[in-house]
Each structure stands twice: as C-alpha cells, then as structure tokens.
Amino acid sequence: MSDLVTQQTELNGTITFANDVIATIAAIAACDIEGVAGMCGGFKDGIAKMLGRKNIRQGVEVKVISGDNPATVAAVAKKVGIKNADEYVDASTLQTDTDIYRAVRKYTVFGRVAPSQKRKIVEALQLDEKVVAMTGDGVNDVLALKKADCSIAIGEGSDVVSKVSQIVLLDADFSRMESVVSEGRQVVNNSAFSIAVPE
C-alpha cells in the first residue's frame, strides 16, 4: 500500500470532503463511492489534474462544503473542474434538517456552512443511501469526519482530525491520490474475485 496513507478501512459508497476536497476522491474510487461532499478552504496543487482523471471520476459525485462565501467557493470549484459547481447554496439559509436534506439533493457547492451543518450534510447523503467519504484538516471538521463512512485527514492539519480519521494523507500532494485509488480498487477487485472463486 502507498506510504500516503497510515490506515485504511473498507469503503463502499459516497464521500464528503473538508477543506481539501480531492483527498476524499481516492477513498471514493477505492470503494465505488457514489457521492462526495467536501469542505473547501482552498484547493491544493494537483486537484484539477486529479478531477480530470477518468479513473477518479467514475462513480464519484463531488460536493464542496466551506465556511466561505458560496459564490467564491463555486468559482474556485468551477476553476478546478468540479461538475455543476455553479449549483451552490448559502448554508446559513438552511434552517432545518429537511432544508439540508433537500439542498444536498440539489446543490454541489455549500458556502457559509457551520460546523454542525457539516455533520448534517454527511447524514443527509447517508439518508440518500450514499456511502460518504470526507476529507478534513480542522477541528471544525471532526463531527462530520466521525459520521462519514470513510474519513480522510490532511496530514498537515489538526492532530485530533488525524486521530479520528481512517486514512491520513501525509503530504497533501493530491496528484499522488491516483495511485491510492488504483490500489484501493485493486484490493476491492481482488477481494471480490477471491470470494467468487469456488473452493
């Protein structure tokens, strides 16, 4: 397994991202995740390249979650190639769990998201039968990371985030995530093949 991760758990569904959206994509691809949500404090080098990779895009729905202005986040998301980045919402207008659930089905980019709403966005994706993976680097991401089916910490982030996450990206170089995704898919495929072979 790549030295980019310190731990790995089995994945199988949807993803949520925090502050560095693409870190989660690797986990998503490893388990044929159907959706992704993320929090954006800015995009790291290599993200646009990663989003353009066919083997990363297959079966992945990216959602960007940020505390920043939704129009600004949408513009940055569009610049790095996130599909439907122009579909954004100001989360400060989402007052109830029902509002959040409806927004998760409609929007790709969430701006002005409070820490408590991050967890609710993950839960809303899970209610929609998505397997959720999420990246994060700050203490404000911990509740959502703990709720996600797969949590990915950015190694340069908070120690507490690394401790609650199942995968830790040690160097934040997202261009390396392709190999992590490939290895994850290979493990999943080999496991499925091993189960299918009669004894």
N, C-alpha and C. Protein backbone atom coordinates (compact mmCIF):
# COMPACT_ATOMS: atom_id res chain seq x y z
N MET A 1 0.85 -1.19 0.00
CA MET A 1 0.00 0.00 0.00
C MET A 1 0.89 1.24 0.00
N SER A 2 0.44 2.30 -0.58
CA SER A 2 1.19 3.54 -0.68
C SER A 2 1.52 4.12 0.67
N ASP A 3 2.64 4.84 0.76
CA ASP A 3 3.00 5.49 2.01
C ASP A 3 2.20 6.77 2.25
N LEU A 4 1.26 7.06 1.37
CA LEU A 4 0.42 8.24 1.53
C LEU A 4 -0.63 8.06 2.62
N VAL A 5 -0.90 6.83 2.98
CA VAL A 5 -1.91 6.58 3.98
C VAL A 5 -1.31 5.84 5.16
N THR A 6 -1.84 6.10 6.34
CA THR A 6 -1.36 5.39 7.52
C THR A 6 -2.34 4.32 7.95
N GLN A 7 -3.59 4.45 7.56
CA GLN A 7 -4.61 3.46 7.87
C GLN A 7 -5.57 3.40 6.71
N GLN A 8 -6.23 2.26 6.58
CA GLN A 8 -7.26 2.16 5.54
C GLN A 8 -8.37 1.27 6.05
N THR A 9 -9.59 1.63 5.73
CA THR A 9 -10.72 0.78 6.06
C THR A 9 -11.50 0.52 4.79
N GLU A 10 -12.36 -0.48 4.83
CA GLU A 10 -13.15 -0.84 3.66
C GLU A 10 -14.19 0.24 3.37
N LEU A 11 -14.32 0.60 2.11
CA LEU A 11 -15.26 1.63 1.67
C LEU A 11 -16.29 1.03 0.73
N ASN A 12 -17.44 1.67 0.63
CA ASN A 12 -18.42 1.20 -0.35
C ASN A 12 -19.58 2.15 -0.57
N GLY A 13 -19.35 3.41 -1.00
CA GLY A 13 -20.47 4.26 -1.28
C GLY A 13 -20.38 5.73 -1.61
N THR A 14 -20.39 6.74 -0.72
CA THR A 14 -20.44 8.19 -1.00
C THR A 14 -19.39 8.93 -0.19
N ILE A 15 -19.01 10.12 -0.60
CA ILE A 15 -17.93 10.81 0.11
C ILE A 15 -18.22 12.26 0.44
N THR A 16 -17.67 12.72 1.53
CA THR A 16 -17.78 14.11 1.92
C THR A 16 -16.38 14.68 2.10
N PHE A 17 -16.13 15.88 1.61
CA PHE A 17 -14.81 16.47 1.72
C PHE A 17 -14.79 17.66 2.66
N ALA A 18 -13.68 17.85 3.30
CA ALA A 18 -13.47 19.04 4.10
C ALA A 18 -12.19 19.69 3.65
N ASN A 19 -12.15 20.94 3.64
CA ASN A 19 -11.07 21.83 3.28
C ASN A 19 -10.21 21.47 2.08
N ASP A 20 -9.97 20.24 1.79
CA ASP A 20 -9.20 19.85 0.62
C ASP A 20 -9.95 18.74 -0.08
N VAL A 21 -10.88 19.12 -0.88
CA VAL A 21 -11.88 18.24 -1.46
C VAL A 21 -11.34 16.97 -2.09
N ILE A 22 -10.29 17.02 -2.81
CA ILE A 22 -9.89 15.87 -3.60
C ILE A 22 -9.27 14.76 -2.80
N ALA A 23 -8.81 15.00 -1.63
CA ALA A 23 -8.24 13.91 -0.84
C ALA A 23 -9.23 12.79 -0.70
N THR A 24 -10.47 13.12 -0.60
CA THR A 24 -11.50 12.11 -0.41
C THR A 24 -11.74 11.30 -1.67
N ILE A 25 -11.46 11.84 -2.81
CA ILE A 25 -11.75 11.15 -4.05
C ILE A 25 -11.05 9.81 -4.11
N ALA A 26 -9.87 9.72 -3.57
CA ALA A 26 -9.14 8.46 -3.59
C ALA A 26 -9.92 7.39 -2.86
N ALA A 27 -10.42 7.72 -1.71
CA ALA A 27 -11.19 6.76 -0.94
C ALA A 27 -12.46 6.39 -1.68
N ILE A 28 -13.04 7.34 -2.33
CA ILE A 28 -14.27 7.12 -3.08
C ILE A 28 -14.04 6.11 -4.18
N ALA A 29 -13.00 6.30 -4.92
CA ALA A 29 -12.73 5.42 -6.04
C ALA A 29 -12.43 4.02 -5.56
N ALA A 30 -11.79 3.92 -4.43
CA ALA A 30 -11.44 2.61 -3.89
C ALA A 30 -12.67 1.79 -3.58
N CYS A 31 -13.78 2.43 -3.34
CA CYS A 31 -14.96 1.67 -2.95
C CYS A 31 -16.17 2.01 -3.80
N ASP A 32 -15.94 2.45 -5.01
CA ASP A 32 -17.05 2.77 -5.91
C ASP A 32 -18.07 3.67 -5.25
N ILE A 33 -17.61 4.69 -4.61
CA ILE A 33 -18.47 5.62 -3.91
C ILE A 33 -19.30 6.40 -4.92
N GLU A 34 -20.52 6.65 -4.57
CA GLU A 34 -21.46 7.29 -5.47
C GLU A 34 -21.50 8.80 -5.30
N GLY A 35 -21.03 9.31 -4.20
CA GLY A 35 -21.13 10.73 -3.96
C GLY A 35 -20.03 11.21 -3.06
N VAL A 36 -19.76 12.48 -3.13
CA VAL A 36 -18.70 13.06 -2.33
C VAL A 36 -19.13 14.44 -1.88
N ALA A 37 -18.79 14.78 -0.67
CA ALA A 37 -19.02 16.13 -0.20
C ALA A 37 -17.71 16.64 0.34
N GLY A 38 -17.45 17.92 0.27
CA GLY A 38 -16.16 18.39 0.73
C GLY A 38 -16.23 19.77 1.29
N MET A 39 -15.23 20.10 2.08
CA MET A 39 -15.12 21.43 2.62
C MET A 39 -13.92 22.10 2.03
N CYS A 40 -14.08 23.33 1.67
CA CYS A 40 -13.01 23.97 0.91
C CYS A 40 -12.48 25.19 1.60
N GLY A 41 -11.22 25.14 1.99
CA GLY A 41 -10.53 26.30 2.48
C GLY A 41 -9.56 26.74 1.41
N GLY A 42 -9.72 26.21 0.22
CA GLY A 42 -8.81 26.43 -0.89
C GLY A 42 -8.42 25.07 -1.43
N PHE A 43 -8.07 25.02 -2.71
CA PHE A 43 -7.72 23.75 -3.31
C PHE A 43 -6.22 23.63 -3.43
N LYS A 44 -5.70 22.49 -3.09
CA LYS A 44 -4.27 22.23 -3.15
C LYS A 44 -3.84 21.96 -4.59
N ASP A 45 -2.54 22.09 -4.82
CA ASP A 45 -1.98 21.76 -6.12
C ASP A 45 -2.31 20.31 -6.47
N GLY A 46 -2.60 20.07 -7.71
CA GLY A 46 -2.87 18.72 -8.17
C GLY A 46 -4.34 18.35 -8.20
N ILE A 47 -5.20 19.19 -7.63
CA ILE A 47 -6.62 18.85 -7.57
C ILE A 47 -7.27 18.85 -8.95
N ALA A 48 -7.02 19.88 -9.73
CA ALA A 48 -7.62 19.94 -11.06
C ALA A 48 -7.18 18.74 -11.90
N LYS A 49 -5.92 18.39 -11.80
CA LYS A 49 -5.40 17.23 -12.53
C LYS A 49 -6.09 15.95 -12.07
N MET A 50 -6.28 15.81 -10.77
CA MET A 50 -6.93 14.62 -10.23
C MET A 50 -8.39 14.53 -10.69
N LEU A 51 -9.10 15.63 -10.68
CA LEU A 51 -10.51 15.62 -11.08
C LEU A 51 -10.67 15.25 -12.55
N GLY A 52 -9.66 15.52 -13.34
CA GLY A 52 -9.72 15.21 -14.76
C GLY A 52 -9.43 13.76 -15.07
N ARG A 53 -8.93 13.01 -14.12
CA ARG A 53 -8.59 11.60 -14.36
C ARG A 53 -9.86 10.75 -14.42
N LYS A 54 -10.00 10.02 -15.50
CA LYS A 54 -11.20 9.19 -15.68
C LYS A 54 -11.37 8.19 -14.55
N ASN A 55 -10.27 7.56 -14.11
CA ASN A 55 -10.41 6.53 -13.09
C ASN A 55 -10.78 7.13 -11.73
N ILE A 56 -10.63 8.41 -11.55
CA ILE A 56 -11.05 9.07 -10.32
C ILE A 56 -12.53 9.46 -10.44
N ARG A 57 -12.95 9.93 -11.60
CA ARG A 57 -14.31 10.43 -11.79
C ARG A 57 -15.37 9.35 -11.76
N GLN A 58 -15.05 8.14 -12.16
CA GLN A 58 -16.06 7.09 -12.30
C GLN A 58 -16.80 6.86 -11.00
N GLY A 59 -18.10 7.09 -11.03
CA GLY A 59 -18.94 6.82 -9.88
C GLY A 59 -18.80 7.78 -8.72
N VAL A 60 -18.17 8.91 -8.93
CA VAL A 60 -17.93 9.85 -7.84
C VAL A 60 -18.72 11.13 -8.06
N GLU A 61 -19.47 11.52 -7.06
CA GLU A 61 -20.19 12.79 -7.07
C GLU A 61 -19.52 13.67 -6.04
N VAL A 62 -18.98 14.79 -6.47
CA VAL A 62 -18.25 15.68 -5.57
C VAL A 62 -19.17 16.78 -5.07
N LYS A 63 -19.14 17.01 -3.78
CA LYS A 63 -19.82 18.15 -3.17
C LYS A 63 -18.77 18.90 -2.36
N VAL A 64 -18.81 20.21 -2.46
CA VAL A 64 -17.84 21.05 -1.77
C VAL A 64 -18.54 21.79 -0.65
N ILE A 65 -17.98 21.71 0.56
CA ILE A 65 -18.57 22.33 1.73
C ILE A 65 -17.55 23.29 2.33
N SER A 66 -17.94 24.54 2.53
CA SER A 66 -17.00 25.54 3.01
C SER A 66 -17.69 26.57 3.90
N GLY A 67 -16.92 27.17 4.76
CA GLY A 67 -17.43 28.28 5.56
C GLY A 67 -17.38 29.60 4.82
N ASP A 68 -16.78 29.60 3.65
CA ASP A 68 -16.59 30.82 2.87
C ASP A 68 -17.83 31.18 2.06
N ASN A 69 -17.78 32.36 1.43
CA ASN A 69 -18.87 32.85 0.59
C ASN A 69 -19.16 31.83 -0.51
N PRO A 70 -20.43 31.43 -0.67
CA PRO A 70 -20.75 30.38 -1.64
C PRO A 70 -20.40 30.73 -3.08
N ALA A 71 -20.54 31.98 -3.48
CA ALA A 71 -20.20 32.36 -4.86
C ALA A 71 -18.69 32.23 -5.09
N THR A 72 -17.89 32.58 -4.11
CA THR A 72 -16.44 32.47 -4.22
C THR A 72 -16.03 31.00 -4.29
N VAL A 73 -16.60 30.19 -3.42
CA VAL A 73 -16.29 28.76 -3.41
C VAL A 73 -16.70 28.12 -4.73
N ALA A 74 -17.85 28.50 -5.25
CA ALA A 74 -18.32 27.96 -6.53
C ALA A 74 -17.37 28.33 -7.66
N ALA A 75 -16.88 29.56 -7.66
CA ALA A 75 -15.95 29.99 -8.71
C ALA A 75 -14.65 29.18 -8.66
N VAL A 76 -14.14 28.94 -7.47
CA VAL A 76 -12.92 28.14 -7.32
C VAL A 76 -13.19 26.69 -7.73
N ALA A 77 -14.32 26.15 -7.31
CA ALA A 77 -14.68 24.77 -7.66
C ALA A 77 -14.80 24.61 -9.17
N LYS A 78 -15.39 25.60 -9.81
CA LYS A 78 -15.54 25.55 -11.27
C LYS A 78 -14.17 25.60 -11.95
N LYS A 79 -13.29 26.41 -11.40
CA LYS A 79 -11.94 26.55 -11.97
C LYS A 79 -11.18 25.23 -11.95
N VAL A 80 -11.38 24.42 -10.92
CA VAL A 80 -10.66 23.14 -10.85
C VAL A 80 -11.44 22.01 -11.50
N GLY A 81 -12.61 22.30 -12.07
CA GLY A 81 -13.31 21.31 -12.87
C GLY A 81 -14.36 20.48 -12.16
N ILE A 82 -14.88 20.96 -11.05
CA ILE A 82 -15.93 20.21 -10.36
C ILE A 82 -17.24 20.41 -11.12
N LYS A 83 -17.84 19.29 -11.49
CA LYS A 83 -19.07 19.30 -12.27
C LYS A 83 -20.19 19.97 -11.47
N ASN A 84 -20.98 20.79 -12.15
CA ASN A 84 -22.12 21.50 -11.56
C ASN A 84 -21.73 22.45 -10.43
N ALA A 85 -20.52 22.99 -10.50
CA ALA A 85 -20.04 23.90 -9.46
C ALA A 85 -20.87 25.18 -9.38
N ASP A 86 -21.58 25.51 -10.44
CA ASP A 86 -22.42 26.71 -10.42
C ASP A 86 -23.72 26.50 -9.66
N GLU A 87 -23.96 25.29 -9.19
CA GLU A 87 -25.14 25.00 -8.37
C GLU A 87 -24.73 25.09 -6.90
N TYR A 88 -24.92 26.28 -6.33
CA TYR A 88 -24.46 26.50 -4.96
C TYR A 88 -25.55 27.12 -4.09
N VAL A 89 -25.33 26.97 -2.77
CA VAL A 89 -26.29 27.49 -1.80
C VAL A 89 -25.54 28.08 -0.61
N ASP A 90 -26.12 29.11 -0.03
CA ASP A 90 -25.63 29.70 1.21
C ASP A 90 -26.26 28.90 2.36
N ALA A 91 -25.45 28.10 3.05
CA ALA A 91 -25.98 27.21 4.09
C ALA A 91 -26.56 27.96 5.29
N SER A 92 -26.24 29.23 5.42
CA SER A 92 -26.83 29.99 6.52
C SER A 92 -28.34 30.17 6.32
N THR A 93 -28.81 29.91 5.10
CA THR A 93 -30.26 29.98 4.83
C THR A 93 -30.96 28.65 5.11
N LEU A 94 -30.21 27.62 5.38
CA LEU A 94 -30.79 26.29 5.64
C LEU A 94 -31.07 26.17 7.14
N GLN A 95 -32.33 26.26 7.50
CA GLN A 95 -32.70 26.34 8.92
C GLN A 95 -33.04 25.01 9.56
N THR A 96 -33.47 24.03 8.77
CA THR A 96 -33.92 22.75 9.35
C THR A 96 -33.17 21.59 8.70
N ASP A 97 -33.28 20.42 9.32
CA ASP A 97 -32.69 19.22 8.73
C ASP A 97 -33.30 18.91 7.37
N THR A 98 -34.59 19.19 7.22
CA THR A 98 -35.27 18.98 5.93
C THR A 98 -34.68 19.90 4.87
N ASP A 99 -34.40 21.16 5.24
CA ASP A 99 -33.76 22.09 4.30
C ASP A 99 -32.42 21.54 3.83
N ILE A 100 -31.65 21.01 4.77
CA ILE A 100 -30.33 20.46 4.43
C ILE A 100 -30.48 19.25 3.52
N TYR A 101 -31.40 18.36 3.85
CA TYR A 101 -31.62 17.16 3.03
C TYR A 101 -31.98 17.55 1.60
N ARG A 102 -32.88 18.49 1.44
CA ARG A 102 -33.28 18.94 0.10
C ARG A 102 -32.10 19.59 -0.64
N ALA A 103 -31.32 20.38 0.09
CA ALA A 103 -30.18 21.06 -0.53
C ALA A 103 -29.12 20.07 -1.01
N VAL A 104 -28.90 19.01 -0.24
CA VAL A 104 -27.90 18.00 -0.62
C VAL A 104 -28.29 17.34 -1.94
N ARG A 105 -29.56 17.17 -2.16
CA ARG A 105 -30.03 16.56 -3.41
C ARG A 105 -29.93 17.53 -4.59
N LYS A 106 -29.91 18.83 -4.32
CA LYS A 106 -29.98 19.83 -5.38
C LYS A 106 -28.65 20.50 -5.70
N TYR A 107 -27.83 20.77 -4.69
CA TYR A 107 -26.64 21.60 -4.87
C TYR A 107 -25.34 20.81 -4.81
N THR A 108 -24.31 21.37 -5.45
CA THR A 108 -22.97 20.80 -5.44
C THR A 108 -22.07 21.54 -4.47
N VAL A 109 -22.22 22.85 -4.37
CA VAL A 109 -21.36 23.68 -3.54
C VAL A 109 -22.18 24.30 -2.41
N PHE A 110 -21.64 24.18 -1.20
CA PHE A 110 -22.27 24.73 0.01
C PHE A 110 -21.31 25.74 0.61
N GLY A 111 -21.77 26.98 0.75
CA GLY A 111 -20.96 28.03 1.36
C GLY A 111 -21.56 28.46 2.69
N ARG A 112 -20.75 29.13 3.50
CA ARG A 112 -21.16 29.60 4.82
C ARG A 112 -21.74 28.46 5.68
N VAL A 113 -21.06 27.33 5.64
CA VAL A 113 -21.51 26.15 6.38
C VAL A 113 -20.96 26.19 7.80
N ALA A 114 -21.85 26.05 8.77
CA ALA A 114 -21.44 25.98 10.18
C ALA A 114 -20.94 24.56 10.46
N PRO A 115 -20.03 24.39 11.44
CA PRO A 115 -19.52 23.05 11.76
C PRO A 115 -20.62 22.02 12.02
N SER A 116 -21.68 22.41 12.71
CA SER A 116 -22.77 21.45 12.98
C SER A 116 -23.49 21.03 11.70
N GLN A 117 -23.50 21.91 10.70
CA GLN A 117 -24.16 21.57 9.44
C GLN A 117 -23.34 20.58 8.62
N LYS A 118 -22.03 20.56 8.82
CA LYS A 118 -21.19 19.62 8.08
C LYS A 118 -21.62 18.19 8.39
N ARG A 119 -21.81 17.90 9.66
CA ARG A 119 -22.26 16.55 10.06
C ARG A 119 -23.64 16.26 9.47
N LYS A 120 -24.51 17.24 9.48
CA LYS A 120 -25.86 17.05 8.94
C LYS A 120 -25.85 16.81 7.44
N ILE A 121 -24.91 17.42 6.75
CA ILE A 121 -24.79 17.18 5.31
C ILE A 121 -24.35 15.73 5.06
N VAL A 122 -23.40 15.25 5.86
CA VAL A 122 -22.98 13.85 5.75
C VAL A 122 -24.17 12.93 6.01
N GLU A 123 -24.92 13.20 7.05
CA GLU A 123 -26.09 12.38 7.39
C GLU A 123 -27.13 12.41 6.27
N ALA A 124 -27.33 13.57 5.66
CA ALA A 124 -28.30 13.68 4.57
C ALA A 124 -27.88 12.83 3.37
N LEU A 125 -26.59 12.82 3.07
CA LEU A 125 -26.10 11.97 1.98
C LEU A 125 -26.32 10.50 2.32
N GLN A 126 -26.08 10.14 3.57
CA GLN A 126 -26.28 8.75 4.00
C GLN A 126 -27.75 8.35 3.96
N LEU A 127 -28.64 9.28 4.30
CA LEU A 127 -30.08 9.01 4.19
C LEU A 127 -30.48 8.73 2.75
N ASP A 128 -29.72 9.29 1.83
CA ASP A 128 -29.95 9.07 0.41
C ASP A 128 -29.23 7.81 -0.08
N GLU A 129 -28.83 6.97 0.88
CA GLU A 129 -28.15 5.70 0.61
C GLU A 129 -26.82 5.87 -0.11
N LYS A 130 -26.10 6.92 0.22
CA LYS A 130 -24.76 7.14 -0.30
C LYS A 130 -23.76 6.67 0.75
N VAL A 131 -22.66 6.16 0.30
CA VAL A 131 -21.54 5.88 1.20
C VAL A 131 -20.69 7.14 1.14
N VAL A 132 -20.46 7.74 2.28
CA VAL A 132 -19.85 9.06 2.33
C VAL A 132 -18.41 9.00 2.81
N ALA A 133 -17.53 9.58 2.02
CA ALA A 133 -16.15 9.78 2.43
C ALA A 133 -15.95 11.28 2.54
N MET A 134 -15.12 11.69 3.47
CA MET A 134 -14.93 13.12 3.69
C MET A 134 -13.48 13.41 4.04
N THR A 135 -12.98 14.53 3.54
CA THR A 135 -11.65 14.99 3.94
C THR A 135 -11.80 16.16 4.88
N GLY A 136 -10.82 16.34 5.74
CA GLY A 136 -10.84 17.47 6.66
C GLY A 136 -9.46 17.71 7.24
N ASP A 137 -9.27 18.92 7.74
CA ASP A 137 -7.99 19.24 8.37
C ASP A 137 -8.13 20.05 9.65
N GLY A 138 -9.34 20.46 9.98
CA GLY A 138 -9.52 21.30 11.15
C GLY A 138 -10.46 20.70 12.18
N VAL A 139 -10.37 21.21 13.39
CA VAL A 139 -11.21 20.73 14.49
C VAL A 139 -12.69 20.87 14.14
N ASN A 140 -13.04 21.88 13.35
CA ASN A 140 -14.44 22.07 12.97
C ASN A 140 -14.96 20.98 12.03
N ASP A 141 -14.09 20.10 11.56
CA ASP A 141 -14.49 19.00 10.67
C ASP A 141 -14.69 17.68 11.42
N VAL A 142 -14.32 17.63 12.69
CA VAL A 142 -14.27 16.37 13.43
C VAL A 142 -15.62 15.64 13.47
N LEU A 143 -16.70 16.33 13.79
CA LEU A 143 -18.00 15.66 13.90
C LEU A 143 -18.42 15.03 12.57
N ALA A 144 -18.22 15.75 11.49
CA ALA A 144 -18.58 15.21 10.18
C ALA A 144 -17.66 14.06 9.79
N LEU A 145 -16.38 14.17 10.10
CA LEU A 145 -15.44 13.08 9.80
C LEU A 145 -15.82 11.81 10.56
N LYS A 146 -16.20 11.98 11.82
CA LYS A 146 -16.59 10.82 12.62
C LYS A 146 -17.86 10.16 12.08
N LYS A 147 -18.75 10.94 11.51
CA LYS A 147 -20.02 10.43 10.98
C LYS A 147 -19.85 9.78 9.60
N ALA A 148 -18.86 10.24 8.84
CA ALA A 148 -18.65 9.73 7.48
C ALA A 148 -18.29 8.25 7.49
N ASP A 149 -18.63 7.56 6.41
CA ASP A 149 -18.27 6.15 6.27
C ASP A 149 -16.76 5.98 6.10
N CYS A 150 -16.13 6.95 5.49
CA CYS A 150 -14.68 6.96 5.34
C CYS A 150 -14.20 8.37 5.59
N SER A 151 -13.26 8.52 6.52
CA SER A 151 -12.75 9.85 6.83
C SER A 151 -11.28 9.93 6.46
N ILE A 152 -10.91 11.04 5.83
CA ILE A 152 -9.54 11.23 5.36
C ILE A 152 -9.02 12.54 5.92
N ALA A 153 -7.95 12.44 6.70
CA ALA A 153 -7.33 13.62 7.29
C ALA A 153 -6.21 14.11 6.38
N ILE A 154 -6.06 15.41 6.32
CA ILE A 154 -4.93 16.02 5.64
C ILE A 154 -3.81 16.08 6.68
N GLY A 155 -2.69 15.43 6.39
CA GLY A 155 -1.62 15.26 7.35
C GLY A 155 -1.12 16.53 8.01
N GLU A 156 -1.17 17.64 7.31
CA GLU A 156 -0.68 18.90 7.87
C GLU A 156 -1.72 19.59 8.76
N GLY A 157 -2.87 18.95 8.92
CA GLY A 157 -3.95 19.54 9.71
C GLY A 157 -3.84 19.22 11.19
N SER A 158 -4.94 19.41 11.89
CA SER A 158 -5.02 19.21 13.33
C SER A 158 -4.75 17.76 13.72
N ASP A 159 -4.07 17.56 14.85
CA ASP A 159 -3.81 16.21 15.36
C ASP A 159 -5.09 15.46 15.65
N VAL A 160 -6.10 16.16 16.19
CA VAL A 160 -7.35 15.49 16.52
C VAL A 160 -8.03 14.96 15.26
N VAL A 161 -7.92 15.65 14.15
CA VAL A 161 -8.50 15.19 12.89
C VAL A 161 -7.81 13.90 12.44
N SER A 162 -6.51 13.86 12.56
CA SER A 162 -5.77 12.64 12.20
C SER A 162 -6.17 11.47 13.07
N LYS A 163 -6.45 11.74 14.33
CA LYS A 163 -6.80 10.66 15.26
C LYS A 163 -8.19 10.08 15.01
N VAL A 164 -9.12 10.88 14.51
CA VAL A 164 -10.48 10.37 14.27
C VAL A 164 -10.66 9.83 12.85
N SER A 165 -9.68 10.04 11.99
CA SER A 165 -9.81 9.63 10.58
C SER A 165 -9.26 8.24 10.35
N GLN A 166 -9.83 7.58 9.35
CA GLN A 166 -9.39 6.23 9.00
C GLN A 166 -8.21 6.24 8.05
N ILE A 167 -8.07 7.32 7.28
CA ILE A 167 -6.95 7.48 6.36
C ILE A 167 -6.33 8.84 6.63
N VAL A 168 -5.00 8.88 6.63
CA VAL A 168 -4.29 10.14 6.81
C VAL A 168 -3.40 10.36 5.59
N LEU A 169 -3.67 11.44 4.86
CA LEU A 169 -2.85 11.81 3.71
C LEU A 169 -1.65 12.57 4.27
N LEU A 170 -0.48 11.97 4.19
CA LEU A 170 0.68 12.51 4.89
C LEU A 170 1.28 13.76 4.26
N ASP A 171 1.21 13.90 2.93
CA ASP A 171 1.92 15.02 2.32
C ASP A 171 1.06 16.03 1.58
N ALA A 172 -0.24 15.85 1.53
CA ALA A 172 -1.18 16.79 0.89
C ALA A 172 -0.89 17.04 -0.59
N ASP A 173 -0.14 16.16 -1.23
CA ASP A 173 0.10 16.26 -2.67
C ASP A 173 -0.96 15.41 -3.36
N PHE A 174 -2.02 16.04 -3.80
CA PHE A 174 -3.16 15.31 -4.32
C PHE A 174 -2.89 14.62 -5.65
N SER A 175 -1.85 15.01 -6.34
CA SER A 175 -1.54 14.33 -7.59
C SER A 175 -1.15 12.88 -7.35
N ARG A 176 -0.79 12.54 -6.13
CA ARG A 176 -0.44 11.16 -5.78
C ARG A 176 -1.66 10.30 -5.46
N MET A 177 -2.81 10.90 -5.38
CA MET A 177 -4.01 10.16 -5.00
C MET A 177 -4.42 9.12 -6.04
N GLU A 178 -4.02 9.32 -7.28
CA GLU A 178 -4.37 8.35 -8.31
C GLU A 178 -3.86 6.96 -7.95
N SER A 179 -2.65 6.88 -7.44
CA SER A 179 -2.11 5.56 -7.08
C SER A 179 -2.84 4.96 -5.89
N VAL A 180 -3.29 5.81 -4.97
CA VAL A 180 -4.06 5.31 -3.83
C VAL A 180 -5.40 4.75 -4.31
N VAL A 181 -6.04 5.47 -5.22
CA VAL A 181 -7.32 5.00 -5.77
C VAL A 181 -7.12 3.68 -6.51
N SER A 182 -6.09 3.61 -7.33
CA SER A 182 -5.84 2.39 -8.10
C SER A 182 -5.59 1.21 -7.17
N GLU A 183 -4.79 1.41 -6.14
CA GLU A 183 -4.51 0.34 -5.20
C GLU A 183 -5.78 -0.08 -4.45
N GLY A 184 -6.59 0.88 -4.07
CA GLY A 184 -7.84 0.57 -3.38
C GLY A 184 -8.77 -0.24 -4.25
N ARG A 185 -8.89 0.16 -5.51
CA ARG A 185 -9.76 -0.59 -6.43
C ARG A 185 -9.21 -1.99 -6.67
N GLN A 186 -7.90 -2.12 -6.75
CA GLN A 186 -7.30 -3.43 -6.95
C GLN A 186 -7.59 -4.35 -5.77
N VAL A 187 -7.50 -3.82 -4.55
CA VAL A 187 -7.81 -4.61 -3.37
C VAL A 187 -9.27 -5.05 -3.39
N VAL A 188 -10.17 -4.12 -3.71
CA VAL A 188 -11.59 -4.45 -3.77
C VAL A 188 -11.85 -5.51 -4.84
N ASN A 189 -11.28 -5.33 -6.03
CA ASN A 189 -11.47 -6.30 -7.11
C ASN A 189 -10.90 -7.67 -6.75
N ASN A 190 -9.72 -7.70 -6.15
CA ASN A 190 -9.12 -8.97 -5.74
C ASN A 190 -9.96 -9.67 -4.68
N SER A 191 -10.50 -8.90 -3.75
CA SER A 191 -11.34 -9.47 -2.71
C SER A 191 -12.60 -10.06 -3.32
N ALA A 192 -13.21 -9.34 -4.26
CA ALA A 192 -14.43 -9.83 -4.91
C ALA A 192 -14.12 -11.09 -5.71
N PHE A 193 -12.98 -11.13 -6.37
CA PHE A 193 -12.59 -12.31 -7.15
C PHE A 193 -12.35 -13.48 -6.23
N SER A 194 -11.68 -13.28 -5.10
CA SER A 194 -11.40 -14.35 -4.15
C SER A 194 -12.69 -14.95 -3.60
N ILE A 195 -13.66 -14.12 -3.35
CA ILE A 195 -14.94 -14.59 -2.83
C ILE A 195 -15.69 -15.39 -3.89
N ALA A 196 -15.56 -15.01 -5.16
CA ALA A 196 -16.32 -15.64 -6.22
C ALA A 196 -15.71 -16.98 -6.68
N VAL A 197 -14.44 -17.22 -6.40
CA VAL A 197 -13.78 -18.45 -6.84
C VAL A 197 -14.22 -19.61 -5.95
N PRO A 198 -14.80 -20.67 -6.55
CA PRO A 198 -15.23 -21.82 -5.75
C PRO A 198 -14.04 -22.60 -5.24
N GLU A 199 -14.19 -23.20 -4.08
CA GLU A 199 -13.09 -23.97 -3.49
C GLU A 199 -13.08 -25.39 -3.97
